[in-house]
Amino acid sequence: MIEISRAARYDAPADAIFAIITDLSRYPAWQPGVECASLAGEGAFRQGARIRQVRTVMGRQTDVGLTITRLVPDELLTLVTAPGATPAVREIYWLRPDGDGCRLEFWLALDGIPVMAEHLARAQLTGQMQQMLERLAIIAASHQPTCWPAEGSPDDSTAPHRESS
C-alpha cells in the first residue's frame, strides 16, 4: 500500500479553495494526469455521488470511478473507489482556516499496486502531488479556471503557497 500526505497554506479562504476542489470541470487545470472529470449520472455534487475521471497513468488513458464518501462544505472531501477496484484509491482533502487564508491537508492511499512497482508509483505520485498543490495555488490566486497542457506545468517560482509534509 502506498500512502502519501502533503499540506500547503494558501492565501485564499477555505471556501475559495473548496470551490475549486469541488468543481469537476477544473480538475484538469490542477490535477496532473486528469483529462476530464464529471459526475456519473444525474444529480448534484453531494455525499454518495459518483465521479468519473479519465486519467493518463503511465502513458495510458484509464477511467477511474470515485464515490464522495464524506462532504463537509468548505472543510472536508473524501473520495474512494468502489470496493474491489484495483488499484483501490482513497483521497482526503481537509481544509482549515489559517490566519487570513487556509491550510489544505491532502492524503492519498493506493492499494493493489504490485510491490515491484510501488517505488516508481510513489515517486511519480509524490511529484504529481507537488504539482497539484502548486497549480491549486495559482488558480486560487488568479481567481480564474486556468489550464495547462497535460504534459506541461506552471512555473514553480510563482506558486503562492508554502508546502510541508
C-alpha atoms as a PDB file:
ATOM      1  CA  MET A   1       0.000   0.000   0.000  1.00  0.00           C
ATOM      2  CA  ILE A   2       1.164   3.494  -0.816  1.00  0.00           C
ATOM      3  CA  GLU A   3       0.242   6.380   1.484  1.00  0.00           C
ATOM      4  CA  ILE A   4       1.337   9.932   0.778  1.00  0.00           C
ATOM      5  CA  SER A   5       0.308  13.143   2.509  1.00  0.00           C
ATOM      6  CA  ARG A   6       1.168  16.771   1.933  1.00  0.00           C
ATOM      7  CA  ALA A   7      -0.041  20.080   3.285  1.00  0.00           C
ATOM      8  CA  ALA A   8       0.000  23.594   1.902  1.00  0.00           C
ATOM      9  CA  ARG A   9      -1.055  27.012   3.128  1.00  0.00           C
ATOM     10  CA  TYR A  10      -2.968  29.261   0.754  1.00  0.00           C
ATOM     11  CA  ASP A  11      -3.654  32.974   0.936  1.00  0.00           C
ATOM     12  CA  ALA A  12      -7.259  32.298  -0.129  1.00  0.00           C
ATOM     13  CA  PRO A  13     -10.062  31.450   2.309  1.00  0.00           C
ATOM     14  CA  ALA A  14     -11.146  27.823   2.729  1.00  0.00           C
ATOM     15  CA  ASP A  15     -14.399  28.357   0.820  1.00  0.00           C
ATOM     16  CA  ALA A  16     -12.478  29.555  -2.275  1.00  0.00           C
ATOM     17  CA  ILE A  17     -10.152  26.530  -2.244  1.00  0.00           C
ATOM     18  CA  PHE A  18     -13.074  24.180  -1.576  1.00  0.00           C
ATOM     19  CA  ALA A  19     -14.950  25.673  -4.544  1.00  0.00           C
ATOM     20  CA  ILE A  20     -12.033  24.779  -6.823  1.00  0.00           C
ATOM     21  CA  ILE A  21     -11.649  21.282  -5.360  1.00  0.00           C
ATOM     22  CA  THR A  22     -15.343  20.509  -5.855  1.00  0.00           C
ATOM     23  CA  ASP A  23     -15.607  21.993  -9.387  1.00  0.00           C
ATOM     24  CA  LEU A  24     -15.055  18.898 -11.511  1.00  0.00           C
ATOM     25  CA  SER A  25     -14.634  20.940 -14.704  1.00  0.00           C
ATOM     26  CA  ARG A  26     -11.465  22.418 -13.155  1.00  0.00           C
ATOM     27  CA  TYR A  27      -9.794  19.084 -12.337  1.00  0.00           C
ATOM     28  CA  PRO A  28      -7.614  19.035 -15.488  1.00  0.00           C
ATOM     29  CA  ALA A  29      -6.305  22.502 -14.551  1.00  0.00           C
ATOM     30  CA  TRP A  30      -4.863  21.445 -11.206  1.00  0.00           C
ATOM     31  CA  GLN A  31      -4.630  17.649 -11.142  1.00  0.00           C
ATOM     32  CA  PRO A  32      -1.757  16.257 -13.237  1.00  0.00           C
ATOM     33  CA  GLY A  33      -2.893  13.381 -15.418  1.00  0.00           C
ATOM     34  CA  VAL A  34      -6.622  14.166 -15.260  1.00  0.00           C
ATOM     35  CA  GLU A  35      -8.051  14.617 -18.757  1.00  0.00           C
ATOM     36  CA  CYS A  36     -11.628  15.214 -17.595  1.00  0.00           C
ATOM     37  CA  ALA A  37     -13.872  14.659 -14.585  1.00  0.00           C
ATOM     38  CA  SER A  38     -17.649  14.663 -14.268  1.00  0.00           C
ATOM     39  CA  LEU A  39     -20.465  13.358 -12.131  1.00  0.00           C
ATOM     40  CA  ALA A  40     -21.586   9.889 -13.176  1.00  0.00           C
ATOM     41  CA  GLY A  41     -25.304  10.197 -13.793  1.00  0.00           C
ATOM     42  CA  GLU A  42     -27.691  12.922 -12.742  1.00  0.00           C
ATOM     43  CA  GLY A  43     -27.617  14.905  -9.553  1.00  0.00           C
ATOM     44  CA  ALA A  44     -25.538  17.312  -7.559  1.00  0.00           C
ATOM     45  CA  PHE A  45     -22.056  17.151  -6.057  1.00  0.00           C
ATOM     46  CA  ARG A  46     -23.058  15.577  -2.745  1.00  0.00           C
ATOM     47  CA  GLN A  47     -22.166  12.773  -0.387  1.00  0.00           C
ATOM     48  CA  GLY A  48     -22.851   9.471  -2.161  1.00  0.00           C
ATOM     49  CA  ALA A  49     -22.473  10.926  -5.666  1.00  0.00           C
ATOM     50  CA  ARG A  50     -20.156   9.128  -8.063  1.00  0.00           C
ATOM     51  CA  ILE A  51     -17.399  10.842 -10.036  1.00  0.00           C
ATOM     52  CA  ARG A  52     -15.890   9.599 -13.274  1.00  0.00           C
ATOM     53  CA  GLN A  53     -12.345  10.683 -14.097  1.00  0.00           C
ATOM     54  CA  VAL A  54     -10.388   9.978 -17.243  1.00  0.00           C
ATOM     55  CA  ARG A  55      -6.684   9.933 -16.326  1.00  0.00           C
ATOM     56  CA  THR A  56      -3.463   9.271 -18.126  1.00  0.00           C
ATOM     57  CA  VAL A  57      -1.442   6.852 -15.994  1.00  0.00           C
ATOM     58  CA  MET A  58       1.962   5.664 -17.206  1.00  0.00           C
ATOM     59  CA  GLY A  59       1.070   6.847 -20.723  1.00  0.00           C
ATOM     60  CA  ARG A  60      -2.292   5.037 -20.845  1.00  0.00           C
ATOM     61  CA  GLN A  61      -5.756   6.517 -20.534  1.00  0.00           C
ATOM     62  CA  THR A  62      -7.864   4.931 -17.824  1.00  0.00           C
ATOM     63  CA  ASP A  63     -11.297   5.510 -16.304  1.00  0.00           C
ATOM     64  CA  VAL A  64     -11.390   5.968 -12.545  1.00  0.00           C
ATOM     65  CA  GLY A  65     -14.665   5.842 -10.643  1.00  0.00           C
ATOM     66  CA  LEU A  66     -14.763   7.557  -7.254  1.00  0.00           C
ATOM     67  CA  THR A  67     -17.555   7.990  -4.722  1.00  0.00           C
ATOM     68  CA  ILE A  68     -17.909  11.003  -2.430  1.00  0.00           C
ATOM     69  CA  THR A  69     -17.997   9.355   0.988  1.00  0.00           C
ATOM     70  CA  ARG A  70     -17.660  12.482   3.158  1.00  0.00           C
ATOM     71  CA  LEU A  71     -18.552  16.031   2.268  1.00  0.00           C
ATOM     72  CA  VAL A  72     -18.450  18.873   4.769  1.00  0.00           C
ATOM     73  CA  PRO A  73     -18.689  22.171   2.845  1.00  0.00           C
ATOM     74  CA  ASP A  74     -15.549  24.317   2.995  1.00  0.00           C
ATOM     75  CA  GLU A  75     -13.834  21.736   5.237  1.00  0.00           C
ATOM     76  CA  LEU A  76     -13.656  18.091   4.121  1.00  0.00           C
ATOM     77  CA  LEU A  77     -13.938  15.971   0.978  1.00  0.00           C
ATOM     78  CA  THR A  78     -13.261  12.225   0.887  1.00  0.00           C
ATOM     79  CA  LEU A  79     -13.263  10.226  -2.348  1.00  0.00           C
ATOM     80  CA  VAL A  80     -12.878   6.433  -2.661  1.00  0.00           C
ATOM     81  CA  THR A  81     -13.018   3.862  -5.415  1.00  0.00           C
ATOM     82  CA  ALA A  82     -15.629   1.123  -5.340  1.00  0.00           C
ATOM     83  CA  PRO A  83     -14.908  -1.942  -3.198  1.00  0.00           C
ATOM     84  CA  GLY A  84     -12.797  -4.400  -5.175  1.00  0.00           C
ATOM     85  CA  ALA A  85     -11.398  -1.762  -7.563  1.00  0.00           C
ATOM     86  CA  THR A  86      -7.748  -2.193  -8.462  1.00  0.00           C
ATOM     87  CA  PRO A  87      -5.989  -0.140  -7.517  1.00  0.00           C
ATOM     88  CA  ALA A  88      -8.088   0.939  -4.563  1.00  0.00           C
ATOM     89  CA  VAL A  89      -7.853   4.716  -4.146  1.00  0.00           C
ATOM     90  CA  ARG A  90      -8.734   6.941  -1.189  1.00  0.00           C
ATOM     91  CA  GLU A  91      -8.274  10.732  -1.313  1.00  0.00           C
ATOM     92  CA  ILE A  92      -8.894  13.102   1.589  1.00  0.00           C
ATOM     93  CA  TYR A  93      -8.900  16.901   1.272  1.00  0.00           C
ATOM     94  CA  TRP A  94      -9.101  18.641   4.658  1.00  0.00           C
ATOM     95  CA  LEU A  95      -9.247  22.443   4.871  1.00  0.00           C
ATOM     96  CA  ARG A  96      -8.795  24.588   7.964  1.00  0.00           C
ATOM     97  CA  PRO A  97      -8.711  28.353   8.405  1.00  0.00           C
ATOM     98  CA  ASP A  98      -5.158  29.629   8.880  1.00  0.00           C
ATOM     99  CA  GLY A  99      -4.824  33.353   9.547  1.00  0.00           C
ATOM    100  CA  ASP A 100      -6.311  35.216   6.606  1.00  0.00           C
ATOM    101  CA  GLY A 101      -6.006  32.113   4.409  1.00  0.00           C
ATOM    102  CA  CYS A 102      -6.340  28.385   4.865  1.00  0.00           C
ATOM    103  CA  ARG A 103      -4.362  25.192   5.137  1.00  0.00           C
ATOM    104  CA  LEU A 104      -5.087  22.188   2.922  1.00  0.00           C
ATOM    105  CA  GLU A 105      -4.015  18.751   4.060  1.00  0.00           C
ATOM    106  CA  PHE A 106      -4.178  16.144   1.324  1.00  0.00           C
ATOM    107  CA  TRP A 107      -3.827  12.407   1.887  1.00  0.00           C
ATOM    108  CA  LEU A 108      -3.736   9.709  -0.780  1.00  0.00           C
ATOM    109  CA  ALA A 109      -3.743   5.941  -0.315  1.00  0.00           C
ATOM    110  CA  LEU A 110      -3.322   3.447  -3.145  1.00  0.00           C
ATOM    111  CA  ASP A 111      -3.681  -0.270  -2.578  1.00  0.00           C
ATOM    112  CA  GLY A 112      -3.296  -3.027  -5.128  1.00  0.00           C
ATOM    113  CA  ILE A 113      -0.150  -1.751  -6.832  1.00  0.00           C
ATOM    114  CA  PRO A 114       2.309  -4.592  -7.470  1.00  0.00           C
ATOM    115  CA  VAL A 115       5.076  -4.482  -4.838  1.00  0.00           C
ATOM    116  CA  MET A 116       7.743  -4.202  -7.534  1.00  0.00           C
ATOM    117  CA  ALA A 117       6.078  -1.050  -8.902  1.00  0.00           C
ATOM    118  CA  GLU A 118       5.432   0.676  -5.557  1.00  0.00           C
ATOM    119  CA  HIS A 119       8.702   2.621  -5.512  1.00  0.00           C
ATOM    120  CA  LEU A 120       8.151   4.018  -9.016  1.00  0.00           C
ATOM    121  CA  ALA A 121       4.476   4.770  -8.322  1.00  0.00           C
ATOM    122  CA  ARG A 122       5.313   6.513  -5.033  1.00  0.00           C
ATOM    123  CA  ALA A 123       7.937   8.709  -6.734  1.00  0.00           C
ATOM    124  CA  GLN A 124       5.566   9.644  -9.554  1.00  0.00           C
ATOM    125  CA  LEU A 125       2.663  10.370  -7.193  1.00  0.00           C
ATOM    126  CA  THR A 126       4.832  12.484  -4.884  1.00  0.00           C
ATOM    127  CA  GLY A 127       5.822  14.685  -7.831  1.00  0.00           C
ATOM    128  CA  GLN A 128       2.228  14.931  -9.010  1.00  0.00           C
ATOM    129  CA  MET A 129       1.072  15.959  -5.517  1.00  0.00           C
ATOM    130  CA  GLN A 130       3.588  18.801  -5.509  1.00  0.00           C
ATOM    131  CA  GLN A 131       2.362  19.972  -8.926  1.00  0.00           C
ATOM    132  CA  MET A 132      -1.237  19.666  -7.756  1.00  0.00           C
ATOM    133  CA  LEU A 133      -0.677  21.894  -4.716  1.00  0.00           C
ATOM    134  CA  GLU A 134       1.199  24.470  -6.798  1.00  0.00           C
ATOM    135  CA  ARG A 135      -1.415  24.559  -9.562  1.00  0.00           C
ATOM    136  CA  LEU A 136      -4.198  24.892  -6.997  1.00  0.00           C
ATOM    137  CA  ALA A 137      -2.393  27.903  -5.501  1.00  0.00           C
ATOM    138  CA  ILE A 138      -2.016  29.586  -8.875  1.00  0.00           C
ATOM    139  CA  ILE A 139      -5.676  29.046  -9.771  1.00  0.00           C
ATOM    140  CA  ALA A 140      -6.802  30.407  -6.388  1.00  0.00           C
ATOM    141  CA  ALA A 141      -4.556  33.462  -6.750  1.00  0.00           C
ATOM    142  CA  SER A 142      -5.754  34.186 -10.285  1.00  0.00           C
ATOM    143  CA  HIS A 143      -9.463  33.703  -9.495  1.00  0.00           C
ATOM    144  CA  GLN A 144      -9.770  32.070 -12.932  1.00  0.00           C
ATOM    145  CA  PRO A 145     -10.017  28.479 -14.170  1.00  0.00           C
ATOM    146  CA  THR A 146      -6.500  28.261 -15.607  1.00  0.00           C
ATOM    147  CA  CYS A 147      -5.484  25.129 -17.518  1.00  0.00           C
ATOM    148  CA  TRP A 148      -2.108  23.736 -18.557  1.00  0.00           C
ATOM    149  CA  PRO A 149      -1.452  21.145 -21.227  1.00  0.00           C
ATOM    150  CA  ALA A 150      -1.358  17.579 -19.915  1.00  0.00           C
ATOM    151  CA  GLU A 151       2.421  17.419 -20.294  1.00  0.00           C
ATOM    152  CA  GLY A 152       3.140  20.982 -19.074  1.00  0.00           C
ATOM    153  CA  SER A 153       3.349  22.535 -15.674  1.00  0.00           C
ATOM    154  CA  PRO A 154       3.217  26.024 -14.247  1.00  0.00           C
ATOM    155  CA  ASP A 155       6.350  27.972 -13.438  1.00  0.00           C
ATOM    156  CA  ASP A 156       7.184  26.784  -9.910  1.00  0.00           C
ATOM    157  CA  SER A 157       8.618  30.173  -8.964  1.00  0.00           C
ATOM    158  CA  THR A 158       5.168  31.807  -8.970  1.00  0.00           C
ATOM    159  CA  ALA A 159       3.392  29.356  -6.661  1.00  0.00           C
ATOM    160  CA  PRO A 160       1.992  31.422  -3.725  1.00  0.00           C
ATOM    161  CA  HIS A 161       1.910  28.688  -1.113  1.00  0.00           C
ATOM    162  CA  ARG A 162       4.198  27.001   1.328  1.00  0.00           C
ATOM    163  CA  GLU A 163       4.228  23.232   1.363  1.00  0.00           C
ATOM    164  CA  SER A 164       5.074  20.873   4.172  1.00  0.00           C
ATOM    165  CA  SER A 165       4.856  17.136   4.566  1.00  0.00           C
END
